[in-house]
Amino acid sequence: METPTVRPDDRLAAAERWVVAVAIAAASLLVFVAVVLRYGLGYSVSAFDEITRYLMICIAFVGASRLLHQDGHVSVVVLLALLPVWARRVVEAIAALAGALFCLGLLWLGAQMLVQSLAINLRSMSALRAPMWVPQAMVPLGAALMALRFLQRFVRIVGTGPASGRM
């Protein structure tokens, strides 16, 4: 019996899955504890709200990449269904390239924001005084992951021939 090979893409997908799962679990736990403290004991911890926001940013950016990898994003396919297979592939390839280019632009801008925050040691204005590069790092990270996923999608679309049965 052959041992299945683990591709780097499978490892990346597993890492994305774990990051999102841990972030959701941590955010849920923080919200639960915050509610119990606030309404049960009359005590409020503002840092919990801030940390939860940062976790939600992580969930959004890494989760978007994970969803793109699974072809889970909402898309309008009504017009695509009317096109012949070759034209559908062309439109989908162009859309994948456009998505990759957009994400690469977001990566560039996010990296510039991150470098600037590190240079001036930008911190949150809350009592936590968290370094802002931590949540800001999710922007270029998520953009890089999504650019990779869009490029994978492009290669998959262009690589499928008419006789391959994909699409």
N, C-alpha and C. Protein backbone atom coordinates (compact mmCIF):
# COMPACT_ATOMS: atom_id res chain seq x y z
N MET A 1 0.84 -1.18 0.00
CA MET A 1 0.00 0.00 0.00
C MET A 1 0.88 1.24 0.00
N GLU A 2 0.56 2.18 -0.86
CA GLU A 2 1.35 3.40 -1.00
C GLU A 2 1.00 4.41 0.08
N THR A 3 2.03 5.09 0.57
CA THR A 3 1.81 6.17 1.51
C THR A 3 1.50 7.43 0.72
N PRO A 4 0.37 8.09 1.01
CA PRO A 4 0.05 9.30 0.25
C PRO A 4 1.08 10.39 0.54
N THR A 5 1.49 11.08 -0.50
CA THR A 5 2.45 12.16 -0.32
C THR A 5 1.71 13.41 0.16
N VAL A 6 2.36 14.12 1.05
CA VAL A 6 1.79 15.36 1.57
C VAL A 6 2.41 16.51 0.81
N ARG A 7 1.58 17.22 0.07
CA ARG A 7 2.05 18.36 -0.72
C ARG A 7 2.18 19.59 0.17
N PRO A 8 3.05 20.52 -0.19
CA PRO A 8 3.16 21.77 0.58
C PRO A 8 1.82 22.50 0.67
N ASP A 9 1.01 22.39 -0.40
CA ASP A 9 -0.29 23.04 -0.40
C ASP A 9 -1.20 22.44 0.67
N ASP A 10 -1.10 21.12 0.88
CA ASP A 10 -1.89 20.48 1.93
C ASP A 10 -1.46 20.98 3.31
N ARG A 11 -0.17 21.16 3.49
CA ARG A 11 0.33 21.67 4.77
C ARG A 11 -0.12 23.11 5.01
N LEU A 12 -0.09 23.91 3.95
CA LEU A 12 -0.56 25.29 4.08
C LEU A 12 -2.04 25.31 4.42
N ALA A 13 -2.83 24.48 3.76
CA ALA A 13 -4.27 24.40 4.04
C ALA A 13 -4.51 23.98 5.48
N ALA A 14 -3.74 23.01 5.96
CA ALA A 14 -3.88 22.57 7.35
C ALA A 14 -3.50 23.68 8.32
N ALA A 15 -2.44 24.40 8.00
CA ALA A 15 -2.01 25.51 8.87
C ALA A 15 -3.08 26.60 8.91
N GLU A 16 -3.65 26.93 7.75
CA GLU A 16 -4.73 27.92 7.70
C GLU A 16 -5.92 27.46 8.54
N ARG A 17 -6.27 26.20 8.39
CA ARG A 17 -7.39 25.65 9.15
C ARG A 17 -7.15 25.76 10.65
N TRP A 18 -5.95 25.42 11.10
CA TRP A 18 -5.63 25.48 12.52
C TRP A 18 -5.59 26.92 13.04
N VAL A 19 -5.01 27.82 12.27
CA VAL A 19 -4.95 29.23 12.69
C VAL A 19 -6.36 29.78 12.87
N VAL A 20 -7.22 29.52 11.90
CA VAL A 20 -8.59 30.03 11.98
C VAL A 20 -9.34 29.37 13.15
N ALA A 21 -9.18 28.07 13.31
CA ALA A 21 -9.87 27.36 14.39
C ALA A 21 -9.43 27.86 15.76
N VAL A 22 -8.14 28.03 15.95
CA VAL A 22 -7.63 28.53 17.24
C VAL A 22 -8.08 29.96 17.48
N ALA A 23 -8.05 30.79 16.44
CA ALA A 23 -8.48 32.19 16.60
C ALA A 23 -9.97 32.26 16.95
N ILE A 24 -10.79 31.43 16.31
CA ILE A 24 -12.23 31.42 16.62
C ILE A 24 -12.46 30.94 18.04
N ALA A 25 -11.76 29.89 18.43
CA ALA A 25 -11.91 29.37 19.79
C ALA A 25 -11.48 30.40 20.83
N ALA A 26 -10.35 31.06 20.58
CA ALA A 26 -9.85 32.07 21.52
C ALA A 26 -10.80 33.26 21.61
N ALA A 27 -11.29 33.72 20.46
CA ALA A 27 -12.23 34.85 20.46
C ALA A 27 -13.52 34.48 21.17
N SER A 28 -14.02 33.28 20.94
CA SER A 28 -15.24 32.83 21.60
C SER A 28 -15.05 32.76 23.12
N LEU A 29 -13.92 32.22 23.53
CA LEU A 29 -13.63 32.13 24.96
C LEU A 29 -13.51 33.51 25.59
N LEU A 30 -12.83 34.42 24.92
CA LEU A 30 -12.69 35.78 25.46
C LEU A 30 -14.04 36.48 25.58
N VAL A 31 -14.89 36.32 24.56
CA VAL A 31 -16.22 36.95 24.61
C VAL A 31 -17.04 36.34 25.74
N PHE A 32 -16.99 35.02 25.88
CA PHE A 32 -17.73 34.35 26.96
C PHE A 32 -17.27 34.85 28.33
N VAL A 33 -15.96 34.88 28.55
CA VAL A 33 -15.43 35.35 29.83
C VAL A 33 -15.79 36.81 30.07
N ALA A 34 -15.71 37.62 29.01
CA ALA A 34 -16.05 39.04 29.15
C ALA A 34 -17.51 39.23 29.55
N VAL A 35 -18.40 38.44 28.96
CA VAL A 35 -19.83 38.54 29.29
C VAL A 35 -20.07 38.09 30.73
N VAL A 36 -19.46 36.99 31.14
CA VAL A 36 -19.61 36.50 32.52
C VAL A 36 -19.09 37.54 33.50
N LEU A 37 -17.92 38.09 33.21
CA LEU A 37 -17.35 39.11 34.12
C LEU A 37 -18.22 40.35 34.17
N ARG A 38 -18.69 40.80 33.00
CA ARG A 38 -19.45 42.06 32.94
C ARG A 38 -20.81 41.93 33.60
N TYR A 39 -21.55 40.88 33.22
CA TYR A 39 -22.92 40.77 33.72
C TYR A 39 -23.04 39.92 34.98
N GLY A 40 -22.06 39.08 35.23
CA GLY A 40 -22.10 38.26 36.43
C GLY A 40 -21.44 38.91 37.63
N LEU A 41 -20.32 39.60 37.36
CA LEU A 41 -19.56 40.18 38.47
C LEU A 41 -19.48 41.70 38.42
N GLY A 42 -20.02 42.29 37.36
CA GLY A 42 -19.99 43.75 37.24
C GLY A 42 -18.59 44.29 36.98
N TYR A 43 -17.74 43.49 36.35
CA TYR A 43 -16.37 43.89 36.09
C TYR A 43 -16.11 43.82 34.59
N SER A 44 -15.47 44.83 34.03
CA SER A 44 -15.23 44.88 32.60
C SER A 44 -13.72 44.93 32.32
N VAL A 45 -13.31 44.15 31.34
CA VAL A 45 -11.90 44.14 30.92
C VAL A 45 -11.86 44.61 29.47
N SER A 46 -11.43 45.86 29.26
CA SER A 46 -11.43 46.42 27.91
C SER A 46 -10.44 45.70 26.99
N ALA A 47 -9.40 45.14 27.55
CA ALA A 47 -8.41 44.44 26.72
C ALA A 47 -9.03 43.25 26.00
N PHE A 48 -10.03 42.61 26.61
CA PHE A 48 -10.68 41.47 25.97
C PHE A 48 -11.31 41.88 24.65
N ASP A 49 -11.95 43.06 24.63
CA ASP A 49 -12.58 43.55 23.40
C ASP A 49 -11.53 43.80 22.32
N GLU A 50 -10.43 44.41 22.72
CA GLU A 50 -9.37 44.72 21.76
C GLU A 50 -8.74 43.44 21.20
N ILE A 51 -8.44 42.50 22.05
CA ILE A 51 -7.84 41.25 21.60
C ILE A 51 -8.81 40.49 20.70
N THR A 52 -10.09 40.52 21.04
CA THR A 52 -11.10 39.86 20.20
C THR A 52 -11.15 40.49 18.82
N ARG A 53 -11.05 41.81 18.74
CA ARG A 53 -11.03 42.49 17.45
C ARG A 53 -9.82 42.03 16.62
N TYR A 54 -8.68 41.92 17.26
CA TYR A 54 -7.48 41.49 16.55
C TYR A 54 -7.62 40.05 16.06
N LEU A 55 -8.24 39.21 16.87
CA LEU A 55 -8.48 37.83 16.45
C LEU A 55 -9.45 37.78 15.27
N MET A 56 -10.45 38.66 15.27
CA MET A 56 -11.41 38.70 14.16
C MET A 56 -10.73 39.13 12.86
N ILE A 57 -9.75 40.02 12.96
CA ILE A 57 -8.99 40.43 11.77
C ILE A 57 -8.24 39.22 11.22
N CYS A 58 -7.62 38.47 12.11
CA CYS A 58 -6.91 37.25 11.71
C CYS A 58 -7.86 36.26 11.06
N ILE A 59 -9.00 36.05 11.66
CA ILE A 59 -10.00 35.12 11.13
C ILE A 59 -10.44 35.55 9.73
N ALA A 60 -10.67 36.84 9.55
CA ALA A 60 -11.14 37.34 8.25
C ALA A 60 -10.09 37.13 7.16
N PHE A 61 -8.85 37.50 7.42
CA PHE A 61 -7.84 37.44 6.38
C PHE A 61 -7.37 36.01 6.10
N VAL A 62 -7.08 35.26 7.12
CA VAL A 62 -6.63 33.88 6.90
C VAL A 62 -7.80 33.01 6.45
N GLY A 63 -8.97 33.27 7.00
CA GLY A 63 -10.16 32.53 6.60
C GLY A 63 -10.55 32.77 5.15
N ALA A 64 -10.33 33.98 4.66
CA ALA A 64 -10.64 34.28 3.26
C ALA A 64 -9.76 33.45 2.33
N SER A 65 -8.50 33.29 2.70
CA SER A 65 -7.60 32.46 1.90
C SER A 65 -8.05 31.00 1.93
N ARG A 66 -8.40 30.54 3.10
CA ARG A 66 -8.86 29.15 3.26
C ARG A 66 -10.12 28.91 2.42
N LEU A 67 -11.03 29.87 2.47
CA LEU A 67 -12.27 29.75 1.70
C LEU A 67 -12.00 29.77 0.20
N LEU A 68 -11.07 30.60 -0.23
CA LEU A 68 -10.71 30.66 -1.65
C LEU A 68 -10.10 29.34 -2.10
N HIS A 69 -9.30 28.74 -1.26
CA HIS A 69 -8.69 27.45 -1.57
C HIS A 69 -9.76 26.37 -1.77
N GLN A 70 -10.86 26.47 -1.04
CA GLN A 70 -11.95 25.50 -1.13
C GLN A 70 -13.00 25.89 -2.17
N ASP A 71 -12.75 26.95 -2.93
CA ASP A 71 -13.73 27.49 -3.87
C ASP A 71 -15.04 27.80 -3.17
N GLY A 72 -14.95 28.36 -1.98
CA GLY A 72 -16.13 28.61 -1.17
C GLY A 72 -16.65 30.03 -1.21
N HIS A 73 -15.97 30.93 -1.91
CA HIS A 73 -16.46 32.30 -1.98
C HIS A 73 -17.71 32.37 -2.84
N VAL A 74 -18.57 33.29 -2.52
CA VAL A 74 -19.79 33.50 -3.29
C VAL A 74 -19.41 34.08 -4.65
N SER A 75 -19.98 33.53 -5.69
CA SER A 75 -19.71 34.07 -7.03
C SER A 75 -20.99 34.00 -7.85
N VAL A 76 -21.09 34.89 -8.80
CA VAL A 76 -22.24 34.93 -9.68
C VAL A 76 -21.90 34.12 -10.92
N VAL A 77 -22.57 33.01 -11.09
CA VAL A 77 -22.25 32.11 -12.19
C VAL A 77 -23.34 32.06 -13.25
N VAL A 78 -24.33 32.92 -13.13
CA VAL A 78 -25.44 32.90 -14.08
C VAL A 78 -24.92 33.18 -15.49
N LEU A 79 -24.10 34.21 -15.64
CA LEU A 79 -23.57 34.53 -16.97
C LEU A 79 -22.57 33.49 -17.43
N LEU A 80 -21.77 32.97 -16.50
CA LEU A 80 -20.79 31.95 -16.87
C LEU A 80 -21.47 30.70 -17.42
N ALA A 81 -22.61 30.36 -16.87
CA ALA A 81 -23.32 29.17 -17.32
C ALA A 81 -23.80 29.30 -18.77
N LEU A 82 -23.98 30.53 -19.23
CA LEU A 82 -24.43 30.76 -20.61
C LEU A 82 -23.29 30.70 -21.62
N LEU A 83 -22.06 30.77 -21.14
CA LEU A 83 -20.90 30.80 -22.04
C LEU A 83 -20.46 29.38 -22.40
N PRO A 84 -19.84 29.25 -23.57
CA PRO A 84 -19.24 27.95 -23.89
C PRO A 84 -18.05 27.71 -22.94
N VAL A 85 -17.63 26.46 -22.82
CA VAL A 85 -16.60 26.08 -21.86
C VAL A 85 -15.32 26.90 -22.05
N TRP A 86 -14.87 27.09 -23.29
CA TRP A 86 -13.62 27.81 -23.53
C TRP A 86 -13.73 29.25 -23.05
N ALA A 87 -14.87 29.90 -23.28
CA ALA A 87 -15.06 31.29 -22.88
C ALA A 87 -15.17 31.39 -21.35
N ARG A 88 -15.82 30.41 -20.74
CA ARG A 88 -15.92 30.37 -19.28
C ARG A 88 -14.52 30.29 -18.66
N ARG A 89 -13.67 29.45 -19.26
CA ARG A 89 -12.30 29.32 -18.75
C ARG A 89 -11.53 30.61 -18.89
N VAL A 90 -11.72 31.31 -19.99
CA VAL A 90 -11.03 32.58 -20.21
C VAL A 90 -11.48 33.60 -19.16
N VAL A 91 -12.78 33.71 -18.95
CA VAL A 91 -13.31 34.67 -17.96
C VAL A 91 -12.81 34.32 -16.56
N GLU A 92 -12.84 33.05 -16.21
CA GLU A 92 -12.39 32.64 -14.89
C GLU A 92 -10.89 32.84 -14.71
N ALA A 93 -10.12 32.63 -15.77
CA ALA A 93 -8.67 32.87 -15.69
C ALA A 93 -8.38 34.35 -15.51
N ILE A 94 -9.09 35.20 -16.23
CA ILE A 94 -8.91 36.65 -16.09
C ILE A 94 -9.31 37.09 -14.68
N ALA A 95 -10.40 36.55 -14.17
CA ALA A 95 -10.84 36.89 -12.81
C ALA A 95 -9.81 36.45 -11.77
N ALA A 96 -9.21 35.27 -11.96
CA ALA A 96 -8.19 34.79 -11.03
C ALA A 96 -6.96 35.69 -11.07
N LEU A 97 -6.55 36.10 -12.27
CA LEU A 97 -5.41 37.01 -12.37
C LEU A 97 -5.72 38.37 -11.75
N ALA A 98 -6.92 38.87 -11.99
CA ALA A 98 -7.31 40.15 -11.40
C ALA A 98 -7.32 40.06 -9.87
N GLY A 99 -7.82 38.95 -9.34
CA GLY A 99 -7.81 38.75 -7.90
C GLY A 99 -6.40 38.70 -7.35
N ALA A 100 -5.50 38.00 -8.06
CA ALA A 100 -4.10 37.92 -7.63
C ALA A 100 -3.45 39.29 -7.65
N LEU A 101 -3.69 40.06 -8.71
CA LEU A 101 -3.10 41.40 -8.80
C LEU A 101 -3.63 42.31 -7.69
N PHE A 102 -4.92 42.24 -7.42
CA PHE A 102 -5.49 43.04 -6.33
C PHE A 102 -4.83 42.67 -5.00
N CYS A 103 -4.70 41.38 -4.75
CA CYS A 103 -4.11 40.92 -3.49
C CYS A 103 -2.63 41.29 -3.39
N LEU A 104 -1.92 41.26 -4.51
CA LEU A 104 -0.52 41.70 -4.50
C LEU A 104 -0.42 43.19 -4.19
N GLY A 105 -1.35 43.98 -4.71
CA GLY A 105 -1.39 45.40 -4.36
C GLY A 105 -1.69 45.61 -2.89
N LEU A 106 -2.63 44.83 -2.37
CA LEU A 106 -2.95 44.90 -0.95
C LEU A 106 -1.76 44.46 -0.10
N LEU A 107 -1.05 43.45 -0.57
CA LEU A 107 0.17 43.00 0.12
C LEU A 107 1.19 44.13 0.18
N TRP A 108 1.40 44.81 -0.93
CA TRP A 108 2.36 45.92 -0.98
C TRP A 108 1.95 47.04 -0.02
N LEU A 109 0.71 47.46 -0.08
CA LEU A 109 0.25 48.53 0.80
C LEU A 109 0.26 48.11 2.26
N GLY A 110 -0.14 46.87 2.53
CA GLY A 110 -0.13 46.36 3.90
C GLY A 110 1.27 46.28 4.46
N ALA A 111 2.24 45.88 3.61
CA ALA A 111 3.63 45.81 4.05
C ALA A 111 4.17 47.20 4.35
N GLN A 112 3.80 48.18 3.54
CA GLN A 112 4.23 49.56 3.79
C GLN A 112 3.66 50.06 5.12
N MET A 113 2.39 49.77 5.38
CA MET A 113 1.76 50.16 6.64
C MET A 113 2.46 49.50 7.82
N LEU A 114 2.79 48.23 7.66
CA LEU A 114 3.45 47.47 8.71
C LEU A 114 4.84 48.03 9.02
N VAL A 115 5.60 48.32 7.98
CA VAL A 115 6.94 48.89 8.17
C VAL A 115 6.86 50.24 8.86
N GLN A 116 5.90 51.04 8.46
CA GLN A 116 5.73 52.36 9.08
C GLN A 116 5.36 52.23 10.56
N SER A 117 4.47 51.31 10.88
CA SER A 117 4.07 51.10 12.28
C SER A 117 5.25 50.62 13.12
N LEU A 118 6.08 49.75 12.54
CA LEU A 118 7.27 49.29 13.25
C LEU A 118 8.27 50.42 13.45
N ALA A 119 8.43 51.27 12.44
CA ALA A 119 9.41 52.36 12.50
C ALA A 119 9.08 53.37 13.59
N ILE A 120 7.79 53.65 13.77
CA ILE A 120 7.41 54.66 14.77
C ILE A 120 6.90 54.03 16.05
N ASN A 121 6.99 52.69 16.13
CA ASN A 121 6.54 51.95 17.32
C ASN A 121 5.10 52.31 17.68
N LEU A 122 4.22 52.24 16.68
CA LEU A 122 2.81 52.58 16.87
C LEU A 122 2.15 51.58 17.80
N ARG A 123 1.39 52.09 18.77
CA ARG A 123 0.71 51.24 19.73
C ARG A 123 -0.76 51.67 19.81
N SER A 124 -1.60 50.73 20.25
CA SER A 124 -3.02 51.05 20.39
C SER A 124 -3.20 52.10 21.49
N MET A 125 -4.28 52.83 21.42
CA MET A 125 -4.52 53.90 22.38
C MET A 125 -5.25 53.40 23.62
N SER A 126 -5.46 52.10 23.70
CA SER A 126 -6.16 51.54 24.85
C SER A 126 -5.18 51.33 26.01
N ALA A 127 -5.72 50.85 27.10
CA ALA A 127 -4.88 50.54 28.26
C ALA A 127 -3.90 49.40 27.96
N LEU A 128 -4.25 48.57 27.00
CA LEU A 128 -3.39 47.44 26.62
C LEU A 128 -2.10 47.90 25.95
N ARG A 129 -2.18 49.01 25.19
CA ARG A 129 -1.02 49.56 24.48
C ARG A 129 -0.34 48.51 23.60
N ALA A 130 -1.15 47.72 22.93
CA ALA A 130 -0.63 46.65 22.07
C ALA A 130 0.10 47.26 20.88
N PRO A 131 1.21 46.64 20.48
CA PRO A 131 1.88 47.12 19.25
C PRO A 131 0.97 46.87 18.05
N MET A 132 0.75 47.90 17.27
CA MET A 132 -0.20 47.81 16.16
C MET A 132 0.29 46.94 15.01
N TRP A 133 1.59 46.63 14.98
CA TRP A 133 2.07 45.77 13.91
C TRP A 133 1.49 44.37 14.01
N VAL A 134 1.06 43.98 15.20
CA VAL A 134 0.52 42.62 15.37
C VAL A 134 -0.76 42.45 14.55
N PRO A 135 -1.80 43.27 14.76
CA PRO A 135 -2.99 43.08 13.92
C PRO A 135 -2.75 43.52 12.47
N GLN A 136 -1.88 44.53 12.27
CA GLN A 136 -1.62 45.00 10.92
C GLN A 136 -0.89 43.96 10.08
N ALA A 137 -0.17 43.06 10.72
CA ALA A 137 0.54 42.00 9.99
C ALA A 137 -0.43 41.06 9.30
N MET A 138 -1.66 41.01 9.77
CA MET A 138 -2.65 40.12 9.15
C MET A 138 -3.01 40.58 7.74
N VAL A 139 -2.88 41.87 7.46
CA VAL A 139 -3.23 42.38 6.12
C VAL A 139 -2.26 41.83 5.07
N PRO A 140 -0.94 42.06 5.20
CA PRO A 140 -0.06 41.49 4.17
C PRO A 140 -0.03 39.96 4.19
N LEU A 141 -0.16 39.36 5.36
CA LEU A 141 -0.17 37.89 5.43
C LEU A 141 -1.38 37.34 4.67
N GLY A 142 -2.56 37.85 4.99
CA GLY A 142 -3.77 37.39 4.31
C GLY A 142 -3.74 37.69 2.83
N ALA A 143 -3.22 38.85 2.46
CA ALA A 143 -3.13 39.21 1.04
C ALA A 143 -2.18 38.28 0.30
N ALA A 144 -1.06 37.93 0.93
CA ALA A 144 -0.11 37.01 0.30
C ALA A 144 -0.74 35.62 0.13
N LEU A 145 -1.43 35.17 1.16
CA LEU A 145 -2.09 33.86 1.07
C LEU A 145 -3.14 33.85 -0.03
N MET A 146 -3.92 34.91 -0.09
CA MET A 146 -4.97 34.96 -1.12
C MET A 146 -4.38 35.10 -2.52
N ALA A 147 -3.29 35.88 -2.66
CA ALA A 147 -2.64 35.99 -3.97
C ALA A 147 -2.16 34.61 -4.42
N LEU A 148 -1.57 33.86 -3.49
CA LEU A 148 -1.13 32.50 -3.80
C LEU A 148 -2.31 31.64 -4.24
N ARG A 149 -3.41 31.73 -3.51
CA ARG A 149 -4.59 30.92 -3.85
C ARG A 149 -5.17 31.32 -5.21
N PHE A 150 -5.18 32.62 -5.51
CA PHE A 150 -5.67 33.06 -6.83
C PHE A 150 -4.74 32.56 -7.94
N LEU A 151 -3.43 32.60 -7.70
CA LEU A 151 -2.49 32.11 -8.70
C LEU A 151 -2.62 30.60 -8.89
N GLN A 152 -2.85 29.87 -7.80
CA GLN A 152 -3.11 28.43 -7.91
C GLN A 152 -4.36 28.18 -8.75
N ARG A 153 -5.37 28.99 -8.51
CA ARG A 153 -6.62 28.85 -9.26
C ARG A 153 -6.38 29.12 -10.75
N PHE A 154 -5.60 30.17 -11.04
CA PHE A 154 -5.28 30.51 -12.42
C PHE A 154 -4.56 29.35 -13.10
N VAL A 155 -3.55 28.79 -12.44
CA VAL A 155 -2.79 27.66 -13.00
C VAL A 155 -3.71 26.46 -13.22
N ARG A 156 -4.60 26.23 -12.27
CA ARG A 156 -5.53 25.11 -12.41
C ARG A 156 -6.46 25.32 -13.61
N ILE A 157 -6.95 26.54 -13.79
CA ILE A 157 -7.87 26.83 -14.90
C ILE A 157 -7.14 26.73 -16.23
N VAL A 158 -5.96 27.32 -16.32
CA VAL A 158 -5.21 27.31 -17.57
C VAL A 158 -4.70 25.90 -17.88
N GLY A 159 -4.37 25.15 -16.83
CA GLY A 159 -3.83 23.81 -17.02
C GLY A 159 -4.83 22.77 -17.40
N THR A 160 -6.12 23.05 -17.26
CA THR A 160 -7.13 22.06 -17.62
C THR A 160 -7.44 22.16 -19.10
N GLY A 161 -7.24 21.08 -19.78
CA GLY A 161 -7.53 21.04 -21.22
C GLY A 161 -8.98 20.72 -21.46
N PRO A 162 -9.45 20.83 -22.69
CA PRO A 162 -10.84 20.55 -23.01
C PRO A 162 -11.25 19.12 -22.70
N ALA A 163 -10.31 18.18 -22.74
CA ALA A 163 -10.67 16.78 -22.52
C ALA A 163 -10.49 16.35 -21.06
N SER A 164 -10.05 17.26 -20.20
CA SER A 164 -9.76 16.87 -18.83
C SER A 164 -11.01 16.67 -17.97
N GLY A 165 -12.11 17.27 -18.37
CA GLY A 165 -13.34 17.08 -17.63
C GLY A 165 -13.50 18.00 -16.44
N ARG A 166 -12.52 18.86 -16.17
CA ARG A 166 -12.65 19.78 -15.04
C ARG A 166 -13.44 20.99 -15.50
N MET A 167 -14.03 21.65 -14.63
CA MET A 167 -14.84 22.83 -14.83
C MET A 167 -16.21 22.46 -14.52
